[in-house]
Amino acid sequence: MLIESFQNDKIKNVTKLLADNRFRKKSKVFVVEGQQENERALQYDFEPVEFFICENIFKGVLPEGRIHYVSEKVYKKIAYRGSSEGIIGIYNTKDNVLSSFVPKENSTVIIVEGVEKPGNLGAILRSCEAFGIDALIVADGKADFYNPNVIRSSVGCLFGMEVYDAENKETFEFLQKNNFNIYTTLMDETAEDLYKRDFKQRSAVLFGTEHSGLSDFWIGKGKNTLIPMAGSIDSLNLSNAVAITCYESLKQKKG
């Protein structure tokens, strides 16, 4: 059966999942658009609910599971990125609890406090996955990892990462319990260069928002760390700072 109407209940549901964070969280499912992103979701054992495929566009191998075929007009209506690759999947979310994360002896964890922009979070996930970071924690209790913009800007890297959303107090207690070296990025005279930190041991690097930095909660709870720069500017945007830190961690472990 080919779905050709925008008024179809399943099409209305997809549209609402894309637009409404609260509905997405309540339903405990999320939308994945694009062939590569769906392949990664399946590769990392996310459980598919159903797929919407436009045969006029889709050129890949059909996934296993419940498939609904849609017209090109309907697909363009529900496709977040326009008429891209002809496949949209609906998946069950995963409930990742921070206490379930078991770090390795040399685990590196990136923690971002108060990150709000989905595109920024997606870029951070991409760097974390690319450079072998063991987990990403968003320490503010507000993150929506399943926002379509997060999935898109991370190119599906979300699915291969350990990701957690936890309050500051829970995050700090977890780091203490598991004997992490805590590196904060507060701007003061006590900060030392990033490359002087030892990433061959358990390490957690904390970043605040671009507007106001880390909150006062983290004052005195770690060793202040900075990225050395040669120009006149004294800061980088958040995703770039995280990417450089992730690379330094990988370089030390490879060295």
Foldseek 3Di string as FASTA:
>chain_A
DEAEDCPPPVLVVLQCLQPPLVVCVVVQKFKDDADQLVVLLVVLPFAWAEKEFEPVQADDDDDDDHYHYYHLVSCQVNDPVGSHRGMMIMTGHDDADPVVDDDDFLAEEEEEEPDDDLLLLLLLLLLCLVLPHAEYEYADQDDDCRNRNSCVNVVNSSSVHHYYYHHPVVVLVVCVVNVEQEEEADDDPQADELLVDQSSGHYYYYWYAPVPIDDPVCVPSHRYYDHDDDDPDRDDHDSVRSNVNSNSSSVNVVD
